[in-house]
Amino acid sequence: MITSIVLIKTSVDRVPEVAERIAALDGVSEVYSVTGPHDLIAMVRVRNHDELAEVIPGRLSKIPGVESTETHIAFRTYSQHDLEAAFAIGLE
């Protein structure tokens, strides 16, 4: 599974509508409205790099109101659940 974090700048007056359209795309698991230089952050999870090309430049970037995107691909995922499992190993 490939996870990418997509930072998105939108037309300010269209943030909710753009977020809803992005969230409806296959491969997008979450969309966050955020403060700072970007308006939205989308989490995209797909099986291979070809699917990233379909989702991000192929569909997400073409949504009316999306002005620009910046994509970061995750090498590894760390979560509280993973940490708890790691610390539980060998504690019987």
C-alpha atoms as a PDB file:
ATOM      1  CA  MET A   1       0.000   0.000   0.000  1.00  0.00           C
ATOM      2  CA  ILE A   2       1.370   3.399  -0.978  1.00  0.00           C
ATOM      3  CA  THR A   3       0.353   6.360   1.153  1.00  0.00           C
ATOM      4  CA  SER A   4       0.762   9.890  -0.054  1.00  0.00           C
ATOM      5  CA  ILE A   5      -0.005  13.197   1.592  1.00  0.00           C
ATOM      6  CA  VAL A   6      -1.290  15.795  -0.848  1.00  0.00           C
ATOM      7  CA  LEU A   7      -1.126  19.465   0.150  1.00  0.00           C
ATOM      8  CA  ILE A   8      -3.750  21.405  -1.789  1.00  0.00           C
ATOM      9  CA  LYS A   9      -4.343  25.091  -2.457  1.00  0.00           C
ATOM     10  CA  THR A  10      -7.880  25.964  -3.522  1.00  0.00           C
ATOM     11  CA  SER A  11     -10.034  28.935  -4.364  1.00  0.00           C
ATOM     12  CA  VAL A  12     -10.798  30.318  -0.898  1.00  0.00           C
ATOM     13  CA  ASP A  13     -14.525  30.574  -1.547  1.00  0.00           C
ATOM     14  CA  ARG A  14     -14.765  26.925  -2.651  1.00  0.00           C
ATOM     15  CA  VAL A  15     -12.914  25.027   0.100  1.00  0.00           C
ATOM     16  CA  PRO A  16     -15.898  22.953   1.377  1.00  0.00           C
ATOM     17  CA  GLU A  17     -17.093  21.982  -2.108  1.00  0.00           C
ATOM     18  CA  VAL A  18     -13.585  21.098  -3.275  1.00  0.00           C
ATOM     19  CA  ALA A  19     -12.955  19.057  -0.116  1.00  0.00           C
ATOM     20  CA  GLU A  20     -16.162  17.075  -0.635  1.00  0.00           C
ATOM     21  CA  ARG A  21     -15.322  16.314  -4.257  1.00  0.00           C
ATOM     22  CA  ILE A  22     -11.791  15.202  -3.325  1.00  0.00           C
ATOM     23  CA  ALA A  23     -13.096  13.013  -0.477  1.00  0.00           C
ATOM     24  CA  ALA A  24     -15.408  11.245  -2.949  1.00  0.00           C
ATOM     25  CA  LEU A  25     -12.509  10.088  -5.156  1.00  0.00           C
ATOM     26  CA  ASP A  26     -11.493   6.431  -5.073  1.00  0.00           C
ATOM     27  CA  GLY A  27      -8.129   6.179  -3.329  1.00  0.00           C
ATOM     28  CA  VAL A  28      -8.671   9.208  -1.084  1.00  0.00           C
ATOM     29  CA  SER A  29      -9.140   8.091   2.521  1.00  0.00           C
ATOM     30  CA  GLU A  30      -9.365  11.478   4.301  1.00  0.00           C
ATOM     31  CA  VAL A  31      -9.407  15.172   3.516  1.00  0.00           C
ATOM     32  CA  TYR A  32      -8.564  17.775   6.156  1.00  0.00           C
ATOM     33  CA  SER A  33      -9.293  21.497   6.038  1.00  0.00           C
ATOM     34  CA  VAL A  34      -6.235  23.128   7.614  1.00  0.00           C
ATOM     35  CA  THR A  35      -4.623  26.439   8.508  1.00  0.00           C
ATOM     36  CA  GLY A  36      -1.377  27.646   6.988  1.00  0.00           C
ATOM     37  CA  PRO A  37      -0.201  28.027   3.416  1.00  0.00           C
ATOM     38  CA  HIS A  38      -2.396  25.165   2.155  1.00  0.00           C
ATOM     39  CA  ASP A  39      -6.172  24.892   2.376  1.00  0.00           C
ATOM     40  CA  LEU A  40      -6.604  21.112   2.348  1.00  0.00           C
ATOM     41  CA  ILE A  41      -4.587  17.984   3.027  1.00  0.00           C
ATOM     42  CA  ALA A  42      -5.688  14.732   1.399  1.00  0.00           C
ATOM     43  CA  MET A  43      -4.491  11.269   2.341  1.00  0.00           C
ATOM     44  CA  VAL A  44      -4.281   9.040  -0.730  1.00  0.00           C
ATOM     45  CA  ARG A  45      -3.800   5.301  -0.295  1.00  0.00           C
ATOM     46  CA  VAL A  46      -3.353   3.107  -3.364  1.00  0.00           C
ATOM     47  CA  ARG A  47      -1.710  -0.194  -4.293  1.00  0.00           C
ATOM     48  CA  ASN A  48       0.839   1.082  -6.832  1.00  0.00           C
ATOM     49  CA  HIS A  49       2.422   4.199  -8.275  1.00  0.00           C
ATOM     50  CA  ASP A  50       0.367   4.038 -11.465  1.00  0.00           C
ATOM     51  CA  GLU A  51      -2.760   4.518  -9.354  1.00  0.00           C
ATOM     52  CA  LEU A  52      -1.203   7.625  -7.788  1.00  0.00           C
ATOM     53  CA  ALA A  53      -0.956   9.117 -11.260  1.00  0.00           C
ATOM     54  CA  GLU A  54      -4.606   8.300 -11.900  1.00  0.00           C
ATOM     55  CA  VAL A  55      -5.819   9.783  -8.612  1.00  0.00           C
ATOM     56  CA  ILE A  56      -3.688  12.902  -8.107  1.00  0.00           C
ATOM     57  CA  PRO A  57      -2.881  14.503 -11.476  1.00  0.00           C
ATOM     58  CA  GLY A  58      -5.533  12.476 -13.281  1.00  0.00           C
ATOM     59  CA  ARG A  59      -8.572  13.364 -11.158  1.00  0.00           C
ATOM     60  CA  LEU A  60      -7.819  15.388  -8.015  1.00  0.00           C
ATOM     61  CA  SER A  61      -5.904  18.176  -9.753  1.00  0.00           C
ATOM     62  CA  LYS A  62      -8.659  18.547 -12.353  1.00  0.00           C
ATOM     63  CA  ILE A  63     -11.395  19.349  -9.830  1.00  0.00           C
ATOM     64  CA  PRO A  64     -12.606  22.925 -10.374  1.00  0.00           C
ATOM     65  CA  GLY A  65     -11.227  25.116  -7.599  1.00  0.00           C
ATOM     66  CA  VAL A  66      -7.981  23.177  -7.102  1.00  0.00           C
ATOM     67  CA  GLU A  67      -5.225  25.689  -7.811  1.00  0.00           C
ATOM     68  CA  SER A  68      -2.134  23.621  -6.976  1.00  0.00           C
ATOM     69  CA  THR A  69      -0.984  20.426  -5.279  1.00  0.00           C
ATOM     70  CA  GLU A  70       2.194  19.238  -3.597  1.00  0.00           C
ATOM     71  CA  THR A  71       2.527  15.493  -3.091  1.00  0.00           C
ATOM     72  CA  HIS A  72       4.620  13.685  -0.471  1.00  0.00           C
ATOM     73  CA  ILE A  73       4.954   9.894  -0.583  1.00  0.00           C
ATOM     74  CA  ALA A  74       5.368   8.119   2.743  1.00  0.00           C
ATOM     75  CA  PHE A  75       8.239   5.654   3.128  1.00  0.00           C
ATOM     76  CA  ARG A  76       6.883   4.091   6.311  1.00  0.00           C
ATOM     77  CA  THR A  77       3.829   4.535   8.527  1.00  0.00           C
ATOM     78  CA  TYR A  78       4.035   4.844  12.295  1.00  0.00           C
ATOM     79  CA  SER A  79       0.902   4.905  14.414  1.00  0.00           C
ATOM     80  CA  GLN A  80      -0.032   4.551  18.062  1.00  0.00           C
ATOM     81  CA  HIS A  81      -1.425   1.094  17.272  1.00  0.00           C
ATOM     82  CA  ASP A  82       1.920   0.019  15.743  1.00  0.00           C
ATOM     83  CA  LEU A  83       3.868   1.320  18.743  1.00  0.00           C
ATOM     84  CA  GLU A  84       1.637  -0.493  21.230  1.00  0.00           C
ATOM     85  CA  ALA A  85       2.086  -3.755  19.302  1.00  0.00           C
ATOM     86  CA  ALA A  86       5.873  -3.310  19.224  1.00  0.00           C
ATOM     87  CA  PHE A  87       6.097  -2.689  22.979  1.00  0.00           C
ATOM     88  CA  ALA A  88       3.853  -5.692  23.702  1.00  0.00           C
ATOM     89  CA  ILE A  89       6.248  -8.135  22.030  1.00  0.00           C
ATOM     90  CA  GLY A  90       7.854 -10.437  24.580  1.00  0.00           C
ATOM     91  CA  LEU A  91       6.075  -9.080  27.639  1.00  0.00           C
ATOM     92  CA  GLU A  92       4.281 -12.318  28.553  1.00  0.00           C
END
